[in-house]
Amino acid sequence: MVYELEDFGSYTVGGREVEVEGKPTQNIQFTPTASFEYDPNGTYAIAHAYVQYFKPMRRNGHPPVVLLHGGGMSGTTWETTPDGRPGWLQLLVAAGYEVHVVDNVERGRAGWCAVDGVWPDKALQRTMEEAWHLFRIGQREDFAARQAFEACRFPVRSFEAFARSFVPRWTSTTEEATDAFAEVLCRLGRSIVICHSQGGQIAFEAAARHAKSVAAIAGVEPSGFATDALALKDVPVLLVYGDYLAASADLPPLLKMGSAWSEIFAQAGGRAEILELPQVGIEGNSHMLMMDNNSADVLQRIGLWLDEKLTSKD
């Protein structure tokens, strides 16, 4: 894929400083010949987001797109598919969008502060077995054999490559992640939000705080929404869902949650369009629609929706 960039770079937003004291020091042998006395006490910069941006030479006239990952993931979600195809980041830039990819609080290149006591909980990391089932690639008991759902579109042979992108997460950071993402929206002035899974809760809440900064929101199987639906009533919203949503009783009822919020949103004067891919003849998609073998086609549908909504608003 070939495209010209006018500029690319990165920045951090949000965050705070925290003071740590009362921790014991320890001797660290960091090479065979060098050691030092490590003192964990002091000041740490935490709770910020890292953002990498890409500005194409030729733009399509739409506002920038901000991509927000889901739980236990980072901005790598959007870069390249596990089997090496262009990710949504590349496809959006090629389509003329300026793109900002977020690594939110305590994820990816935003870094981590792992000193005990900084966060009230311990970091969690997803196993491959959990991801296989939770992301609807196959049943949990079929993981060892890598037996995916029939017609599953996820690139199963590259599942281990996908698992290498999992990062630790703290469940207590949601509010600070929302604060950081809200600052991204403020910095850009006006943008399109594409969010995934747990990132939905963060993105919708941040967007509700700064609705005038949001041109549209496309939620890819979001697991949460804004509590203040009224604040977003003038923002076009699209919710996109894949297949196998009823494959197991212990899977999160994502479509049910989205439908329920859409009704609340409608009562507030807004309108959320729901795109269930199996309902339009597209079967086999997992929770990771941006990685499935038809990911470019799914993004194209989102792009057509954006063209329609943004053109009509202009």
Protein backbone atom coordinates (compact mmCIF):
# COMPACT_ATOMS: atom_id res chain seq x y z
CA MET A 1 0.00 0.00 0.00
CA VAL A 2 1.47 3.33 -1.11
CA TYR A 3 0.52 6.78 0.16
CA GLU A 4 2.35 10.02 0.83
CA LEU A 5 2.51 11.57 4.28
CA GLU A 6 2.71 15.26 4.92
CA ASP A 7 3.67 14.61 8.53
CA PHE A 8 3.66 11.97 11.25
CA GLY A 9 4.68 12.02 14.88
CA SER A 10 3.41 11.53 18.40
CA TYR A 11 2.39 13.32 21.57
CA THR A 12 1.12 12.58 25.07
CA VAL A 13 -1.93 14.07 26.75
CA GLY A 14 -3.45 14.04 30.20
CA GLY A 15 -1.98 12.36 33.23
CA ARG A 16 -0.68 13.39 36.59
CA GLU A 17 2.26 13.00 38.94
CA VAL A 18 2.20 10.64 41.89
CA GLU A 19 4.58 10.49 44.84
CA VAL A 20 5.72 7.11 46.14
CA GLU A 21 7.41 6.77 49.51
CA GLY A 22 8.20 4.16 52.12
CA LYS A 23 9.25 1.44 49.67
CA PRO A 24 12.42 -0.60 50.30
CA THR A 25 15.41 -0.22 48.02
CA GLN A 26 17.08 -3.16 46.35
CA ASN A 27 20.27 -3.93 44.49
CA ILE A 28 19.67 -4.45 40.77
CA GLN A 29 22.17 -6.38 38.62
CA PHE A 30 21.18 -5.16 35.17
CA THR A 31 24.22 -6.52 33.28
CA PRO A 32 26.84 -9.12 34.33
CA THR A 33 29.25 -6.30 35.22
CA ALA A 34 26.99 -3.45 36.34
CA SER A 35 24.59 -3.00 39.23
CA PHE A 36 22.98 -0.17 41.16
CA GLU A 37 20.85 0.47 44.19
CA TYR A 38 17.28 0.84 42.93
CA ASP A 39 15.10 3.21 44.94
CA PRO A 40 11.41 3.09 43.90
CA ASN A 41 10.57 6.12 46.04
CA GLY A 42 10.01 9.39 44.23
CA THR A 43 7.83 11.04 41.61
CA TYR A 44 6.22 9.23 38.69
CA ALA A 45 4.36 10.59 35.65
CA ILE A 46 1.29 8.39 35.15
CA ALA A 47 -2.24 8.24 33.71
CA HIS A 48 -1.45 9.87 30.38
CA ALA A 49 -2.27 8.67 26.86
CA TYR A 50 0.25 8.28 24.05
CA VAL A 51 -0.98 9.24 20.58
CA GLN A 52 0.68 8.67 17.22
CA TYR A 53 -0.63 10.67 14.27
CA PHE A 54 -0.42 10.36 10.50
CA LYS A 55 -1.31 13.22 8.13
CA PRO A 56 -1.63 12.22 4.47
CA MET A 57 -0.54 14.54 1.72
CA ARG A 58 -3.93 14.22 0.02
CA ARG A 59 -6.89 14.54 2.38
CA ASN A 60 -10.55 13.79 1.80
CA GLY A 61 -11.96 16.87 3.56
CA HIS A 62 -13.33 14.98 6.57
CA PRO A 63 -12.16 15.61 10.16
CA PRO A 64 -9.35 13.48 11.59
CA VAL A 65 -10.14 9.96 12.81
CA VAL A 66 -9.20 8.94 16.35
CA LEU A 67 -8.80 5.20 16.92
CA LEU A 68 -9.27 3.81 20.44
CA HIS A 69 -8.46 0.20 21.29
CA GLY A 70 -10.27 -2.18 23.64
CA GLY A 71 -9.39 -3.87 26.93
CA GLY A 72 -5.96 -5.44 27.32
CA MET A 73 -4.96 -4.04 23.93
CA SER A 74 -3.13 -0.99 22.59
CA GLY A 75 -2.96 1.03 19.38
CA THR A 76 -1.40 -1.96 17.60
CA THR A 77 -4.99 -3.16 17.21
CA TRP A 78 -5.32 -0.84 14.22
CA GLU A 79 -1.89 -0.98 12.59
CA THR A 80 -1.46 -4.28 10.77
CA THR A 81 -3.54 -7.46 10.91
CA PRO A 82 -1.91 -10.50 12.58
CA ASP A 83 -1.41 -12.10 9.16
CA GLY A 84 0.25 -9.00 7.71
CA ARG A 85 -2.52 -7.23 5.81
CA PRO A 86 -2.93 -3.44 6.06
CA GLY A 87 -4.78 -2.46 9.23
CA TRP A 88 -7.49 0.15 9.48
CA LEU A 89 -4.86 2.79 10.25
CA GLN A 90 -3.21 2.27 6.88
CA LEU A 91 -6.51 1.98 5.03
CA LEU A 92 -7.83 5.20 6.55
CA VAL A 93 -4.67 7.13 5.71
CA ALA A 94 -4.82 5.78 2.15
CA ALA A 95 -8.44 7.00 1.99
CA GLY A 96 -7.30 10.53 2.85
CA TYR A 97 -7.99 10.67 6.59
CA GLU A 98 -5.65 12.19 9.12
CA VAL A 99 -5.46 9.47 11.79
CA HIS A 100 -4.57 9.63 15.48
CA VAL A 101 -3.97 6.24 17.16
CA VAL A 102 -4.29 6.18 20.95
CA ASP A 103 -2.45 4.02 23.47
CA ASN A 104 -4.56 4.86 26.50
CA VAL A 105 -3.65 5.00 30.19
CA GLU A 106 -1.28 2.20 31.26
CA ARG A 107 -1.29 0.64 27.78
CA GLY A 108 1.32 0.24 25.06
CA ARG A 109 3.65 3.18 24.60
CA ALA A 110 1.84 5.19 27.26
CA GLY A 111 3.87 2.94 29.56
CA TRP A 112 3.05 1.45 32.93
CA CYS A 113 3.67 2.32 36.56
CA ALA A 114 3.96 -1.03 38.27
CA VAL A 115 4.99 0.18 41.72
CA ASP A 116 2.75 -1.44 44.34
CA GLY A 117 0.15 0.94 45.71
CA VAL A 118 0.01 3.38 42.81
CA TRP A 119 -3.14 1.66 41.55
CA PRO A 120 -5.64 0.07 43.95
CA ASP A 121 -5.68 -3.21 42.04
CA LYS A 122 -3.24 -5.60 40.41
CA ALA A 123 -2.58 -5.68 36.69
CA LEU A 124 -4.40 -8.35 34.69
CA GLN A 125 -3.29 -9.93 31.44
CA ARG A 126 -5.45 -11.95 29.08
CA THR A 127 -4.63 -15.58 28.32
CA MET A 128 -4.81 -16.95 24.81
CA GLU A 129 -7.62 -19.29 25.90
CA GLU A 130 -9.70 -16.40 27.16
CA ALA A 131 -9.13 -14.36 24.02
CA TRP A 132 -10.03 -17.32 21.79
CA HIS A 133 -13.43 -17.60 23.46
CA LEU A 134 -14.14 -13.99 24.45
CA PHE A 135 -13.28 -12.65 21.00
CA ARG A 136 -15.52 -15.31 19.41
CA ILE A 137 -12.94 -17.14 17.36
CA GLY A 138 -14.02 -20.50 18.73
CA GLN A 139 -15.25 -22.30 21.82
CA ARG A 140 -12.87 -22.30 24.79
CA GLU A 141 -12.56 -26.10 24.77
CA ASP A 142 -11.48 -26.02 21.13
CA PHE A 143 -8.53 -23.70 21.70
CA ALA A 144 -5.86 -26.40 22.05
CA ALA A 145 -6.80 -27.84 18.66
CA ARG A 146 -7.24 -24.32 17.22
CA GLN A 147 -10.64 -25.39 15.97
CA ALA A 148 -12.41 -22.14 15.13
CA PHE A 149 -16.09 -21.56 14.46
CA GLU A 150 -17.18 -22.71 11.03
CA ALA A 151 -16.58 -19.95 8.46
CA CYS A 152 -14.74 -17.85 11.07
CA ARG A 153 -13.06 -14.92 9.35
CA PHE A 154 -10.29 -14.36 11.90
CA PRO A 155 -6.84 -15.42 10.56
CA VAL A 156 -6.54 -18.41 12.90
CA ARG A 157 -3.06 -19.41 11.73
CA SER A 158 -1.83 -16.04 13.03
CA PHE A 159 -3.56 -16.25 16.41
CA GLU A 160 -0.26 -16.49 18.31
CA ALA A 161 1.00 -13.35 16.55
CA PHE A 162 -2.19 -11.65 17.68
CA ALA A 163 -1.66 -12.82 21.27
CA ARG A 164 1.74 -11.15 21.33
CA SER A 165 -0.05 -7.79 21.25
CA PHE A 166 -1.87 -8.37 24.57
CA VAL A 167 -0.75 -5.97 27.30
CA PRO A 168 -1.40 -5.72 31.06
CA ARG A 169 -4.33 -3.64 32.23
CA TRP A 170 -5.66 -2.25 35.46
CA THR A 171 -9.44 -2.29 35.84
CA SER A 172 -9.28 0.81 38.06
CA THR A 173 -8.03 3.16 35.34
CA THR A 174 -11.25 3.72 33.38
CA GLU A 175 -11.97 7.20 34.71
CA GLU A 176 -8.43 8.40 34.09
CA ALA A 177 -8.47 6.81 30.63
CA THR A 178 -11.68 8.73 29.93
CA ASP A 179 -10.04 11.95 31.09
CA ALA A 180 -7.04 11.35 28.82
CA PHE A 181 -9.18 10.51 25.79
CA ALA A 182 -11.27 13.62 26.43
CA GLU A 183 -8.08 15.66 26.21
CA VAL A 184 -7.30 14.08 22.83
CA LEU A 185 -10.71 15.22 21.58
CA CYS A 186 -10.14 18.74 22.93
CA ARG A 187 -6.71 18.93 21.31
CA LEU A 188 -8.05 18.01 17.87
CA GLY A 189 -11.01 20.40 18.02
CA ARG A 190 -13.20 18.22 15.79
CA SER A 191 -12.75 14.55 14.99
CA ILE A 192 -14.34 11.23 14.11
CA VAL A 193 -14.10 8.54 16.79
CA ILE A 194 -13.75 4.85 15.98
CA CYS A 195 -13.64 2.78 19.17
CA HIS A 196 -13.59 -0.91 20.00
CA SER A 197 -14.94 -3.04 22.85
CA GLN A 198 -14.00 -1.60 26.28
CA GLY A 199 -12.82 1.51 24.46
CA GLY A 200 -16.48 2.20 23.73
CA GLN A 201 -17.24 3.06 27.35
CA ILE A 202 -14.27 5.43 27.45
CA ALA A 203 -14.86 7.00 24.04
CA PHE A 204 -18.60 7.57 24.45
CA GLU A 205 -18.19 9.07 27.92
CA ALA A 206 -15.40 11.38 26.75
CA ALA A 207 -17.42 12.35 23.67
CA ALA A 208 -20.41 13.24 25.86
CA ARG A 209 -18.21 15.74 27.69
CA HIS A 210 -17.09 17.37 24.45
CA ALA A 211 -19.86 16.60 21.96
CA LYS A 212 -19.16 19.68 19.85
CA SER A 213 -15.71 18.25 19.18
CA VAL A 214 -17.09 14.98 17.80
CA ALA A 215 -18.26 14.75 14.19
CA ALA A 216 -19.34 11.08 14.40
CA ILE A 217 -18.77 7.91 16.42
CA ALA A 218 -18.42 4.41 15.01
CA GLY A 219 -18.48 1.85 17.82
CA VAL A 220 -17.10 -1.55 16.89
CA GLU A 221 -18.86 -3.91 19.30
CA PRO A 222 -18.58 -1.44 22.21
CA SER A 223 -19.08 -2.83 25.70
CA GLY A 224 -20.15 0.49 27.23
CA PHE A 225 -21.73 3.82 26.41
CA ALA A 226 -22.21 7.35 27.69
CA THR A 227 -24.45 7.71 30.71
CA ASP A 228 -25.46 11.16 29.43
CA ALA A 229 -27.04 10.16 26.12
CA LEU A 230 -28.65 13.58 25.73
CA ALA A 231 -25.24 15.24 25.34
CA LEU A 232 -24.63 13.22 22.16
CA LYS A 233 -28.04 13.68 20.55
CA ASP A 234 -26.61 15.63 17.61
CA VAL A 235 -23.73 13.22 16.98
CA PRO A 236 -24.22 10.50 14.33
CA VAL A 237 -23.58 7.06 15.87
CA LEU A 238 -22.99 3.73 14.16
CA LEU A 239 -22.71 0.44 16.07
CA VAL A 240 -21.16 -2.50 14.19
CA TYR A 241 -21.47 -6.16 15.24
CA GLY A 242 -20.03 -9.40 13.93
CA ASP A 243 -21.16 -13.01 14.16
CA TYR A 244 -21.43 -15.77 16.81
CA LEU A 245 -22.84 -13.34 19.39
CA ALA A 246 -24.99 -16.12 20.85
CA ALA A 247 -22.29 -18.79 20.68
CA SER A 248 -22.13 -19.16 24.44
CA ALA A 249 -24.25 -18.03 27.38
CA ASP A 250 -21.19 -16.64 29.17
CA LEU A 251 -20.24 -14.20 26.41
CA PRO A 252 -20.99 -10.50 27.04
CA PRO A 253 -24.40 -9.56 25.54
CA LEU A 254 -22.85 -6.84 23.38
CA LEU A 255 -25.67 -6.52 20.85
CA LYS A 256 -28.31 -6.50 23.59
CA MET A 257 -26.43 -3.73 25.41
CA GLY A 258 -26.08 -1.73 22.22
CA SER A 259 -29.73 -2.09 21.33
CA ALA A 260 -30.79 -1.02 24.84
CA TRP A 261 -28.57 2.06 24.74
CA SER A 262 -29.82 2.91 21.25
CA GLU A 263 -33.36 3.09 22.64
CA ILE A 264 -32.20 5.39 25.45
CA PHE A 265 -30.34 7.46 22.87
CA ALA A 266 -33.46 7.71 20.71
CA GLN A 267 -35.50 8.91 23.68
CA ALA A 268 -32.87 11.64 24.17
CA GLY A 269 -33.33 12.77 20.58
CA GLY A 270 -30.40 10.97 18.98
CA ARG A 271 -30.18 8.12 16.50
CA ALA A 272 -27.78 5.19 16.60
CA GLU A 273 -27.73 3.01 13.52
CA ILE A 274 -26.96 -0.65 14.16
CA LEU A 275 -25.12 -2.68 11.53
CA GLU A 276 -25.38 -6.42 12.27
CA LEU A 277 -23.18 -7.92 9.59
CA PRO A 278 -24.98 -11.33 9.49
CA GLN A 279 -28.23 -9.44 8.84
CA VAL A 280 -26.76 -8.07 5.60
CA GLY A 281 -25.36 -11.42 4.51
CA ILE A 282 -21.84 -11.07 5.95
CA GLU A 283 -21.17 -14.04 8.21
CA GLY A 284 -18.22 -15.30 10.22
CA ASN A 285 -16.88 -12.11 11.79
CA SER A 286 -15.27 -12.27 15.21
CA HIS A 287 -15.07 -9.58 17.90
CA MET A 288 -11.90 -8.36 16.17
CA LEU A 289 -13.52 -7.06 13.00
CA MET A 290 -10.49 -4.92 12.17
CA MET A 291 -8.41 -8.12 11.90
CA ASP A 292 -10.82 -10.49 10.15
CA ASN A 293 -10.20 -11.49 6.53
CA ASN A 294 -12.86 -9.02 5.34
CA SER A 295 -11.62 -6.15 7.53
CA ALA A 296 -11.16 -3.82 4.56
CA ASP A 297 -14.76 -4.42 3.48
CA VAL A 298 -16.07 -3.72 7.00
CA LEU A 299 -14.11 -0.47 7.13
CA GLN A 300 -15.43 0.48 3.70
CA ARG A 301 -18.98 0.20 5.04
CA ILE A 302 -18.05 2.48 7.94
CA GLY A 303 -16.44 4.87 5.45
CA LEU A 304 -19.58 5.02 3.31
CA TRP A 305 -21.64 5.74 6.42
CA LEU A 306 -19.23 8.52 7.38
CA ASP A 307 -19.42 10.01 3.87
CA GLU A 308 -23.21 10.06 4.08
CA LYS A 309 -23.43 11.54 7.58
CA LEU A 310 -20.66 14.10 7.27
CA THR A 311 -21.74 15.27 3.83
CA SER A 312 -25.34 15.73 5.00
CA LYS A 313 -24.16 17.69 8.06
CA ASP A 314 -22.03 19.96 5.91
